Each structure stands twice: as C-alpha cells, then as structure tokens.
PDB file of all heavy atoms in Angstrom:
ATOM      1  N   GLU A   1      -3.770 -12.795   8.761  1.00  0.00           N
ATOM      2  CA  GLU A   1      -5.201 -12.516   8.835  1.00  0.00           C
ATOM      3  C   GLU A   1      -5.503 -11.234   9.617  1.00  0.00           C
ATOM      4  O   GLU A   1      -6.658 -10.848   9.755  1.00  0.00           O
ATOM      5  CB  GLU A   1      -5.968 -13.702   9.447  1.00  0.00           C
ATOM      6  CG  GLU A   1      -5.654 -13.994  10.903  1.00  0.00           C
ATOM      7  CD  GLU A   1      -4.537 -14.992  11.083  1.00  0.00           C
ATOM      8  OE1 GLU A   1      -3.603 -15.011  10.260  1.00  0.00           O
ATOM      9  OE2 GLU A   1      -4.599 -15.762  12.057  1.00  0.00           O
ATOM     10  N   GLU A   2      -4.477 -10.575  10.134  1.00  0.00           N
ATOM     11  CA  GLU A   2      -4.647  -9.297  10.816  1.00  0.00           C
ATOM     12  C   GLU A   2      -4.101  -8.180   9.939  1.00  0.00           C
ATOM     13  O   GLU A   2      -3.032  -8.313   9.351  1.00  0.00           O
ATOM     14  CB  GLU A   2      -3.916  -9.293  12.165  1.00  0.00           C
ATOM     15  CG  GLU A   2      -4.489 -10.267  13.172  1.00  0.00           C
ATOM     16  CD  GLU A   2      -3.747 -10.221  14.494  1.00  0.00           C
ATOM     17  OE1 GLU A   2      -2.540  -9.902  14.490  1.00  0.00           O
ATOM     18  OE2 GLU A   2      -4.368 -10.512  15.518  1.00  0.00           O
ATOM     19  N   GLN A   3      -4.829  -7.079   9.854  1.00  0.00           N
ATOM     20  CA  GLN A   3      -4.412  -5.969   9.005  1.00  0.00           C
ATOM     21  C   GLN A   3      -3.804  -4.869   9.866  1.00  0.00           C
ATOM     22  O   GLN A   3      -4.422  -4.382  10.812  1.00  0.00           O
ATOM     23  CB  GLN A   3      -5.614  -5.431   8.210  1.00  0.00           C
ATOM     24  CG  GLN A   3      -5.252  -4.594   6.992  1.00  0.00           C
ATOM     25  CD  GLN A   3      -4.766  -3.205   7.336  1.00  0.00           C
ATOM     26  OE1 GLN A   3      -5.216  -2.590   8.295  1.00  0.00           O
ATOM     27  NE2 GLN A   3      -3.836  -2.706   6.561  1.00  0.00           N
ATOM     28  N   PHE A   4      -2.579  -4.497   9.556  1.00  0.00           N
ATOM     29  CA  PHE A   4      -1.895  -3.398  10.220  1.00  0.00           C
ATOM     30  C   PHE A   4      -1.269  -2.500   9.166  1.00  0.00           C
ATOM     31  O   PHE A   4      -0.793  -2.988   8.140  1.00  0.00           O
ATOM     32  CB  PHE A   4      -0.769  -3.898  11.139  1.00  0.00           C
ATOM     33  CG  PHE A   4      -1.239  -4.557  12.403  1.00  0.00           C
ATOM     34  CD1 PHE A   4      -1.182  -5.931  12.538  1.00  0.00           C
ATOM     35  CD2 PHE A   4      -1.729  -3.807  13.460  1.00  0.00           C
ATOM     36  CE1 PHE A   4      -1.607  -6.550  13.695  1.00  0.00           C
ATOM     37  CE2 PHE A   4      -2.159  -4.414  14.622  1.00  0.00           C
ATOM     38  CZ  PHE A   4      -2.099  -5.791  14.743  1.00  0.00           C
ATOM     39  N   GLU A   5      -1.278  -1.215   9.420  1.00  0.00           N
ATOM     40  CA  GLU A   5      -0.458  -0.334   8.596  1.00  0.00           C
ATOM     41  C   GLU A   5       0.987  -0.771   8.801  1.00  0.00           C
ATOM     42  O   GLU A   5       1.404  -1.037   9.920  1.00  0.00           O
ATOM     43  CB  GLU A   5      -0.678   1.118   9.021  1.00  0.00           C
ATOM     44  CG  GLU A   5      -0.316   2.151   7.960  1.00  0.00           C
ATOM     45  CD  GLU A   5       1.180   2.300   7.750  1.00  0.00           C
ATOM     46  OE1 GLU A   5       1.911   2.276   8.761  1.00  0.00           O
ATOM     47  OE2 GLU A   5       1.618   2.439   6.594  1.00  0.00           O
ATOM     48  N   HIS A   6       1.763  -0.856   7.719  1.00  0.00           N
ATOM     49  CA  HIS A   6       3.061  -1.515   7.814  1.00  0.00           C
ATOM     50  C   HIS A   6       4.028  -0.797   8.753  1.00  0.00           C
ATOM     51  O   HIS A   6       4.849  -1.440   9.405  1.00  0.00           O
ATOM     52  CB  HIS A   6       3.683  -1.660   6.421  1.00  0.00           C
ATOM     53  CG  HIS A   6       4.695  -2.762   6.344  1.00  0.00           C
ATOM     54  ND1 HIS A   6       4.368  -4.092   6.489  1.00  0.00           N
ATOM     55  CD2 HIS A   6       6.045  -2.734   6.149  1.00  0.00           C
ATOM     56  CE1 HIS A   6       5.454  -4.828   6.394  1.00  0.00           C
ATOM     57  NE2 HIS A   6       6.484  -4.043   6.182  1.00  0.00           N
ATOM     58  N   ALA A   7       3.934   0.526   8.834  1.00  0.00           N
ATOM     59  CA  ALA A   7       4.803   1.250   9.752  1.00  0.00           C
ATOM     60  C   ALA A   7       4.510   0.843  11.194  1.00  0.00           C
ATOM     61  O   ALA A   7       5.432   0.674  12.003  1.00  0.00           O
ATOM     62  CB  ALA A   7       4.630   2.758   9.578  1.00  0.00           C
ATOM     63  N   GLU A   8       3.229   0.659  11.519  1.00  0.00           N
ATOM     64  CA  GLU A   8       2.870   0.212  12.866  1.00  0.00           C
ATOM     65  C   GLU A   8       3.395  -1.181  13.129  1.00  0.00           C
ATOM     66  O   GLU A   8       3.905  -1.477  14.211  1.00  0.00           O
ATOM     67  CB  GLU A   8       1.350   0.246  13.044  1.00  0.00           C
ATOM     68  CG  GLU A   8       0.892  -0.228  14.411  1.00  0.00           C
ATOM     69  CD  GLU A   8      -0.613  -0.356  14.542  1.00  0.00           C
ATOM     70  OE1 GLU A   8      -1.336   0.127  13.644  1.00  0.00           O
ATOM     71  OE2 GLU A   8      -1.063  -0.956  15.540  1.00  0.00           O
ATOM     72  N   LEU A   9       3.282  -2.055  12.126  1.00  0.00           N
ATOM     73  CA  LEU A   9       3.773  -3.417  12.278  1.00  0.00           C
ATOM     74  C   LEU A   9       5.280  -3.420  12.544  1.00  0.00           C
ATOM     75  O   LEU A   9       5.766  -4.123  13.434  1.00  0.00           O
ATOM     76  CB  LEU A   9       3.443  -4.216  11.022  1.00  0.00           C
ATOM     77  CG  LEU A   9       3.733  -5.705  11.015  1.00  0.00           C
ATOM     78  CD1 LEU A   9       2.777  -6.421  10.075  1.00  0.00           C
ATOM     79  CD2 LEU A   9       5.163  -6.001  10.591  1.00  0.00           C
ATOM     80  N   LEU A  10       6.030  -2.627  11.771  1.00  0.00           N
ATOM     81  CA  LEU A  10       7.485  -2.569  11.972  1.00  0.00           C
ATOM     82  C   LEU A  10       7.816  -2.028  13.349  1.00  0.00           C
ATOM     83  O   LEU A  10       8.748  -2.512  14.020  1.00  0.00           O
ATOM     84  CB  LEU A  10       8.119  -1.691  10.892  1.00  0.00           C
ATOM     85  CG  LEU A  10       8.093  -2.252   9.465  1.00  0.00           C
ATOM     86  CD1 LEU A  10       8.581  -1.197   8.476  1.00  0.00           C
ATOM     87  CD2 LEU A  10       8.926  -3.525   9.343  1.00  0.00           C
ATOM     88  N   THR A  11       7.064  -1.034  13.805  1.00  0.00           N
ATOM     89  CA  THR A  11       7.287  -0.474  15.138  1.00  0.00           C
ATOM     90  C   THR A  11       7.018  -1.515  16.206  1.00  0.00           C
ATOM     91  O   THR A  11       7.765  -1.620  17.192  1.00  0.00           O
ATOM     92  CB  THR A  11       6.389   0.755  15.355  1.00  0.00           C
ATOM     93  OG1 THR A  11       6.710   1.748  14.378  1.00  0.00           O
ATOM     94  CG2 THR A  11       6.595   1.344  16.744  1.00  0.00           C
ATOM     95  N   ARG A  12       5.962  -2.285  16.037  1.00  0.00           N
ATOM     96  CA  ARG A  12       5.629  -3.346  16.987  1.00  0.00           C
ATOM     97  C   ARG A  12       6.730  -4.402  17.056  1.00  0.00           C
ATOM     98  O   ARG A  12       6.881  -5.082  18.069  1.00  0.00           O
ATOM     99  CB  ARG A  12       4.305  -4.002  16.598  1.00  0.00           C
ATOM    100  CG  ARG A  12       3.070  -3.187  16.958  1.00  0.00           C
ATOM    101  CD  ARG A  12       1.853  -3.643  16.179  1.00  0.00           C
ATOM    102  NE  ARG A  12       1.540  -5.048  16.348  1.00  0.00           N
ATOM    103  CZ  ARG A  12       0.652  -5.530  17.227  1.00  0.00           C
ATOM    104  NH1 ARG A  12      -0.008  -4.697  18.007  1.00  0.00           N
ATOM    105  NH2 ARG A  12       0.417  -6.820  17.305  1.00  0.00           N
ATOM    106  N   MET A  13       7.506  -4.550  15.974  1.00  0.00           N
ATOM    107  CA  MET A  13       8.603  -5.509  15.958  1.00  0.00           C
ATOM    108  C   MET A  13       9.912  -4.913  16.450  1.00  0.00           C
ATOM    109  O   MET A  13      10.945  -5.574  16.438  1.00  0.00           O
ATOM    110  CB  MET A  13       8.786  -6.046  14.535  1.00  0.00           C
ATOM    111  CG  MET A  13       7.634  -6.911  14.032  1.00  0.00           C
ATOM    112  SD  MET A  13       7.412  -8.413  15.004  1.00  0.00           S
ATOM    113  CE  MET A  13       8.910  -9.303  14.609  1.00  0.00           C
ATOM    114  N   GLY A  14       9.878  -3.635  16.855  1.00  0.00           N
ATOM    115  CA  GLY A  14      11.072  -3.020  17.429  1.00  0.00           C
ATOM    116  C   GLY A  14      11.927  -2.242  16.464  1.00  0.00           C
ATOM    117  O   GLY A  14      13.000  -1.767  16.831  1.00  0.00           O
ATOM    118  N   TYR A  15      11.470  -2.076  15.224  1.00  0.00           N
ATOM    119  CA  TYR A  15      12.213  -1.278  14.254  1.00  0.00           C
ATOM    120  C   TYR A  15      11.836   0.200  14.381  1.00  0.00           C
ATOM    121  O   TYR A  15      10.741   0.540  14.847  1.00  0.00           O
ATOM    122  CB  TYR A  15      11.885  -1.715  12.817  1.00  0.00           C
ATOM    123  CG  TYR A  15      12.355  -3.094  12.430  1.00  0.00           C
ATOM    124  CD1 TYR A  15      11.448  -4.143  12.323  1.00  0.00           C
ATOM    125  CD2 TYR A  15      13.694  -3.336  12.135  1.00  0.00           C
ATOM    126  CE1 TYR A  15      11.862  -5.411  11.946  1.00  0.00           C
ATOM    127  CE2 TYR A  15      14.116  -4.601  11.756  1.00  0.00           C
ATOM    128  CZ  TYR A  15      13.199  -5.641  11.664  1.00  0.00           C
ATOM    129  OH  TYR A  15      13.616  -6.893  11.288  1.00  0.00           O
ATOM    130  N   THR A  16      12.723   1.073  13.919  1.00  0.00           N
ATOM    131  CA  THR A  16      12.378   2.470  13.694  1.00  0.00           C
ATOM    132  C   THR A  16      11.865   2.567  12.267  1.00  0.00           C
ATOM    133  O   THR A  16      12.604   2.330  11.317  1.00  0.00           O
ATOM    134  CB  THR A  16      13.595   3.385  13.893  1.00  0.00           C
ATOM    135  OG1 THR A  16      14.054   3.267  15.246  1.00  0.00           O
ATOM    136  CG2 THR A  16      13.216   4.838  13.609  1.00  0.00           C
ATOM    137  N   ALA A  17      10.559   2.865  12.124  1.00  0.00           N
ATOM    138  CA  ALA A  17       9.902   2.803  10.823  1.00  0.00           C
ATOM    139  C   ALA A  17       9.728   4.183  10.219  1.00  0.00           C
ATOM    140  O   ALA A  17       9.388   5.139  10.915  1.00  0.00           O
ATOM    141  CB  ALA A  17       8.551   2.118  10.950  1.00  0.00           C
ATOM    142  N   THR A  18       9.965   4.281   8.916  1.00  0.00           N
ATOM    143  CA  THR A  18       9.693   5.497   8.156  1.00  0.00           C
ATOM    144  C   THR A  18       9.009   5.110   6.850  1.00  0.00           C
ATOM    145  O   THR A  18       9.167   3.988   6.360  1.00  0.00           O
ATOM    146  CB  THR A  18      10.975   6.292   7.848  1.00  0.00           C
ATOM    147  OG1 THR A  18      11.933   5.413   7.218  1.00  0.00           O
ATOM    148  CG2 THR A  18      11.588   6.866   9.115  1.00  0.00           C
ATOM    149  N   VAL A  19       8.234   6.041   6.299  1.00  0.00           N
ATOM    150  CA  VAL A  19       7.505   5.800   5.052  1.00  0.00           C
ATOM    151  C   VAL A  19       7.843   6.898   4.064  1.00  0.00           C
ATOM    152  O   VAL A  19       7.848   8.081   4.412  1.00  0.00           O
ATOM    153  CB  VAL A  19       5.976   5.770   5.288  1.00  0.00           C
ATOM    154  CG1 VAL A  19       5.253   5.377   4.002  1.00  0.00           C
ATOM    155  CG2 VAL A  19       5.616   4.820   6.415  1.00  0.00           C
ATOM    156  N   GLU A  20       8.116   6.502   2.824  1.00  0.00           N
ATOM    157  CA  GLU A  20       8.412   7.450   1.755  1.00  0.00           C
ATOM    158  C   GLU A  20       7.371   7.309   0.645  1.00  0.00           C
ATOM    159  O   GLU A  20       7.069   6.184   0.226  1.00  0.00           O
ATOM    160  CB  GLU A  20       9.794   7.180   1.149  1.00  0.00           C
ATOM    161  CG  GLU A  20      10.945   7.266   2.125  1.00  0.00           C
ATOM    162  CD  GLU A  20      12.259   6.859   1.474  1.00  0.00           C
ATOM    163  OE1 GLU A  20      12.230   6.010   0.532  1.00  0.00           O
ATOM    164  OE2 GLU A  20      13.311   7.379   1.907  1.00  0.00           O
ATOM    165  N   VAL A  21       6.816   8.428   0.195  1.00  0.00           N
ATOM    166  CA  VAL A  21       5.964   8.430  -0.990  1.00  0.00           C
ATOM    167  C   VAL A  21       6.874   8.732  -2.174  1.00  0.00           C
ATOM    168  O   VAL A  21       7.397   9.838  -2.312  1.00  0.00           O
ATOM    169  CB  VAL A  21       4.842   9.472  -0.889  1.00  0.00           C
ATOM    170  CG1 VAL A  21       4.017   9.482  -2.177  1.00  0.00           C
ATOM    171  CG2 VAL A  21       3.952   9.183   0.316  1.00  0.00           C
ATOM    172  N   LEU A  22       7.086   7.746  -3.030  1.00  0.00           N
ATOM    173  CA  LEU A  22       8.041   7.877  -4.122  1.00  0.00           C
ATOM    174  C   LEU A  22       7.422   8.509  -5.370  1.00  0.00           C
ATOM    175  O   LEU A  22       8.103   9.206  -6.113  1.00  0.00           O
ATOM    176  CB  LEU A  22       8.630   6.505  -4.465  1.00  0.00           C
ATOM    177  CG  LEU A  22       9.326   5.774  -3.302  1.00  0.00           C
ATOM    178  CD1 LEU A  22       9.865   4.429  -3.772  1.00  0.00           C
ATOM    179  CD2 LEU A  22      10.448   6.628  -2.713  1.00  0.00           C
ATOM    180  N   SER A  23       6.138   8.255  -5.596  1.00  0.00           N
ATOM    181  CA  SER A  23       5.473   8.860  -6.756  1.00  0.00           C
ATOM    182  C   SER A  23       3.967   8.783  -6.575  1.00  0.00           C
ATOM    183  O   SER A  23       3.450   7.882  -5.906  1.00  0.00           O
ATOM    184  CB  SER A  23       5.884   8.165  -8.061  1.00  0.00           C
ATOM    185  OG  SER A  23       5.428   6.825  -8.085  1.00  0.00           O
ATOM    186  N   ARG A  24       3.262   9.761  -7.195  1.00  0.00           N
ATOM    187  CA  ARG A  24       1.797   9.790  -7.211  1.00  0.00           C
ATOM    188  C   ARG A  24       1.357  10.363  -8.550  1.00  0.00           C
ATOM    189  O   ARG A  24       1.913  11.354  -9.030  1.00  0.00           O
ATOM    190  CB  ARG A  24       1.246  10.686  -6.083  1.00  0.00           C
ATOM    191  CG  ARG A  24       1.537  10.194  -4.684  1.00  0.00           C
ATOM    192  CD  ARG A  24       1.144  11.250  -3.653  1.00  0.00           C
ATOM    193  NE  ARG A  24      -0.295  11.398  -3.579  1.00  0.00           N
ATOM    194  CZ  ARG A  24      -1.081  10.694  -2.771  1.00  0.00           C
ATOM    195  NH1 ARG A  24      -0.555   9.776  -1.987  1.00  0.00           N
ATOM    196  NH2 ARG A  24      -2.377  10.892  -2.740  1.00  0.00           N
ATOM    197  N   SER A  25       0.366   9.720  -9.174  1.00  0.00           N
ATOM    198  CA  SER A  25      -0.153  10.214 -10.443  1.00  0.00           C
ATOM    199  C   SER A  25      -1.549   9.655 -10.666  1.00  0.00           C
ATOM    200  O   SER A  25      -1.929   8.635 -10.072  1.00  0.00           O
ATOM    201  CB  SER A  25       0.763   9.824 -11.606  1.00  0.00           C
ATOM    202  OG  SER A  25       0.842   8.411 -11.730  1.00  0.00           O
ATOM    203  N   VAL A  26      -2.320  10.325 -11.515  1.00  0.00           N
ATOM    204  CA  VAL A  26      -3.661   9.872 -11.889  1.00  0.00           C
ATOM    205  C   VAL A  26      -3.627   9.431 -13.342  1.00  0.00           C
ATOM    206  O   VAL A  26      -3.058  10.113 -14.202  1.00  0.00           O
ATOM    207  CB  VAL A  26      -4.701  10.987 -11.692  1.00  0.00           C
ATOM    208  CG1 VAL A  26      -6.066  10.562 -12.232  1.00  0.00           C
ATOM    209  CG2 VAL A  26      -4.815  11.355 -10.215  1.00  0.00           C
ATOM    210  N   GLY A  27      -4.207   8.270 -13.627  1.00  0.00           N
ATOM    211  CA  GLY A  27      -4.213   7.761 -14.996  1.00  0.00           C
ATOM    212  C   GLY A  27      -5.265   6.694 -15.200  1.00  0.00           C
ATOM    213  O   GLY A  27      -6.025   6.362 -14.278  1.00  0.00           O
ATOM    214  N   ALA A  28      -5.300   6.149 -16.399  1.00  0.00           N
ATOM    215  CA  ALA A  28      -6.268   5.098 -16.725  1.00  0.00           C
ATOM    216  C   ALA A  28      -5.964   3.840 -15.922  1.00  0.00           C
ATOM    217  O   ALA A  28      -4.799   3.479 -15.708  1.00  0.00           O
ATOM    218  CB  ALA A  28      -6.216   4.799 -18.219  1.00  0.00           C
ATOM    219  N   ILE A  29      -7.012   3.179 -15.495  1.00  0.00           N
ATOM    220  CA  ILE A  29      -6.817   1.971 -14.698  1.00  0.00           C
ATOM    221  C   ILE A  29      -6.302   0.850 -15.600  1.00  0.00           C
ATOM    222  O   ILE A  29      -6.787   0.661 -16.721  1.00  0.00           O
ATOM    223  CB  ILE A  29      -8.137   1.571 -14.008  1.00  0.00           C
ATOM    224  CG1 ILE A  29      -7.888   0.480 -12.968  1.00  0.00           C
ATOM    225  CG2 ILE A  29      -9.188   1.126 -15.002  1.00  0.00           C
ATOM    226  CD1 ILE A  29      -9.045   0.279 -12.023  1.00  0.00           C
ATOM    227  N   PRO A  30      -5.274   0.113 -15.171  1.00  0.00           N
ATOM    228  CA  PRO A  30      -4.734  -0.969 -16.010  1.00  0.00           C
ATOM    229  C   PRO A  30      -5.787  -2.026 -16.319  1.00  0.00           C
ATOM    230  O   PRO A  30      -6.666  -2.308 -15.505  1.00  0.00           O
ATOM    231  CB  PRO A  30      -3.606  -1.546 -15.145  1.00  0.00           C
ATOM    232  CG  PRO A  30      -3.235  -0.445 -14.205  1.00  0.00           C
ATOM    233  CD  PRO A  30      -4.502   0.291 -13.927  1.00  0.00           C
ATOM    234  N   VAL A  31      -5.677  -2.605 -17.503  1.00  0.00           N
ATOM    235  CA  VAL A  31      -6.646  -3.606 -17.941  1.00  0.00           C
ATOM    236  C   VAL A  31      -6.727  -4.766 -16.957  1.00  0.00           C
ATOM    237  O   VAL A  31      -7.822  -5.254 -16.632  1.00  0.00           O
ATOM    238  CB  VAL A  31      -6.277  -4.126 -19.346  1.00  0.00           C
ATOM    239  CG1 VAL A  31      -7.201  -5.269 -19.752  1.00  0.00           C
ATOM    240  CG2 VAL A  31      -6.344  -2.997 -20.369  1.00  0.00           C
ATOM    241  N   GLU A  32      -5.564  -5.229 -16.473  1.00  0.00           N
ATOM    242  CA  GLU A  32      -5.565  -6.394 -15.589  1.00  0.00           C
ATOM    243  C   GLU A  32      -6.207  -6.098 -14.233  1.00  0.00           C
ATOM    244  O   GLU A  32      -6.576  -7.018 -13.491  1.00  0.00           O
ATOM    245  CB  GLU A  32      -4.134  -6.906 -15.381  1.00  0.00           C
ATOM    246  CG  GLU A  32      -3.200  -5.962 -14.632  1.00  0.00           C
ATOM    247  CD  GLU A  32      -2.502  -4.963 -15.544  1.00  0.00           C
ATOM    248  OE1 GLU A  32      -2.957  -4.792 -16.699  1.00  0.00           O
ATOM    249  OE2 GLU A  32      -1.509  -4.371 -15.088  1.00  0.00           O
ATOM    250  N   VAL A  33      -6.348  -4.823 -13.894  1.00  0.00           N
ATOM    251  CA  VAL A  33      -6.952  -4.445 -12.614  1.00  0.00           C
ATOM    252  C   VAL A  33      -8.443  -4.152 -12.763  1.00  0.00           C
ATOM    253  O   VAL A  33      -9.202  -4.241 -11.803  1.00  0.00           O
ATOM    254  CB  VAL A  33      -6.218  -3.224 -12.007  1.00  0.00           C
ATOM    255  CG1 VAL A  33      -6.834  -2.804 -10.679  1.00  0.00           C
ATOM    256  CG2 VAL A  33      -4.738  -3.552 -11.819  1.00  0.00           C
ATOM    257  N   GLN A  34      -8.880  -3.841 -13.970  1.00  0.00           N
ATOM    258  CA  GLN A  34     -10.294  -3.511 -14.198  1.00  0.00           C
ATOM    259  C   GLN A  34     -11.219  -4.623 -13.721  1.00  0.00           C
ATOM    260  O   GLN A  34     -12.204  -4.371 -13.026  1.00  0.00           O
ATOM    261  CB  GLN A  34     -10.536  -3.245 -15.685  1.00  0.00           C
ATOM    262  CG  GLN A  34      -9.920  -1.960 -16.203  1.00  0.00           C
ATOM    263  CD  GLN A  34     -10.101  -1.823 -17.706  1.00  0.00           C
ATOM    264  OE1 GLN A  34     -10.894  -2.546 -18.322  1.00  0.00           O
ATOM    265  NE2 GLN A  34      -9.351  -0.909 -18.309  1.00  0.00           N
ATOM    266  N   ALA A  35     -10.915  -5.858 -14.091  1.00  0.00           N
ATOM    267  CA  ALA A  35     -11.778  -6.972 -13.701  1.00  0.00           C
ATOM    268  C   ALA A  35     -11.742  -7.198 -12.193  1.00  0.00           C
ATOM    269  O   ALA A  35     -12.766  -7.517 -11.574  1.00  0.00           O
ATOM    270  CB  ALA A  35     -11.361  -8.243 -14.435  1.00  0.00           C
ATOM    271  N   LEU A  36     -10.574  -7.037 -11.603  1.00  0.00           N
ATOM    272  CA  LEU A  36     -10.450  -7.254 -10.158  1.00  0.00           C
ATOM    273  C   LEU A  36     -11.294  -6.264  -9.371  1.00  0.00           C
ATOM    274  O   LEU A  36     -11.870  -6.614  -8.335  1.00  0.00           O
ATOM    275  CB  LEU A  36      -8.982  -7.151  -9.739  1.00  0.00           C
ATOM    276  CG  LEU A  36      -8.038  -8.207 -10.312  1.00  0.00           C
ATOM    277  CD1 LEU A  36      -6.598  -7.915  -9.918  1.00  0.00           C
ATOM    278  CD2 LEU A  36      -8.440  -9.602  -9.837  1.00  0.00           C
ATOM    279  N   LEU A  37     -11.352  -5.018  -9.836  1.00  0.00           N
ATOM    280  CA  LEU A  37     -12.119  -3.986  -9.137  1.00  0.00           C
ATOM    281  C   LEU A  37     -13.519  -3.814  -9.724  1.00  0.00           C
ATOM    282  O   LEU A  37     -14.271  -2.953  -9.248  1.00  0.00           O
ATOM    283  CB  LEU A  37     -11.365  -2.648  -9.178  1.00  0.00           C
ATOM    284  CG  LEU A  37     -10.005  -2.618  -8.483  1.00  0.00           C
ATOM    285  CD1 LEU A  37      -9.438  -1.201  -8.502  1.00  0.00           C
ATOM    286  CD2 LEU A  37     -10.094  -3.129  -7.056  1.00  0.00           C
ATOM    287  N   GLU A  38     -13.855  -4.608 -10.725  1.00  0.00           N
ATOM    288  CA  GLU A  38     -15.156  -4.517 -11.388  1.00  0.00           C
ATOM    289  C   GLU A  38     -15.436  -3.075 -11.827  1.00  0.00           C
ATOM    290  O   GLU A  38     -16.516  -2.529 -11.605  1.00  0.00           O
ATOM    291  CB  GLU A  38     -16.275  -5.008 -10.457  1.00  0.00           C
ATOM    292  CG  GLU A  38     -16.148  -6.468 -10.073  1.00  0.00           C
ATOM    293  CD  GLU A  38     -17.294  -6.964  -9.213  1.00  0.00           C
ATOM    294  OE1 GLU A  38     -17.715  -6.229  -8.297  1.00  0.00           O
ATOM    295  OE2 GLU A  38     -17.776  -8.090  -9.459  1.00  0.00           O
ATOM    296  N   SER A  39     -14.450  -2.477 -12.467  1.00  0.00           N
ATOM    297  CA  SER A  39     -14.546  -1.063 -12.835  1.00  0.00           C
ATOM    298  C   SER A  39     -14.793  -0.896 -14.326  1.00  0.00           C
ATOM    299  O   SER A  39     -14.541  -1.802 -15.136  1.00  0.00           O
ATOM    300  CB  SER A  39     -13.255  -0.333 -12.450  1.00  0.00           C
ATOM    301  OG  SER A  39     -12.164  -0.831 -13.203  1.00  0.00           O
TER     302      SER A  39
END
C-alpha cells in the first residue's frame, strides 16, 4: 500500500540498485489497455 520508486526500495533493502531503459517507442495504445485508461 506504499508507493516507492523501485530503485529507492531496493536501496532501502540494502541492495546496490541500477535502472536500465531497454526500449522506448511511441505507438497506438493496445486494445486491452484502452478500456483501462478510458482512452
């Protein structure tokens, strides 16, 4: 029920945390997500 950025959460648990952006792209919103976001 608490929201933390995951790198902060891992750091709080004593890990050395790193984040990688593996891919980024712009495209049509998936059908299954349209209803969830009311888009």
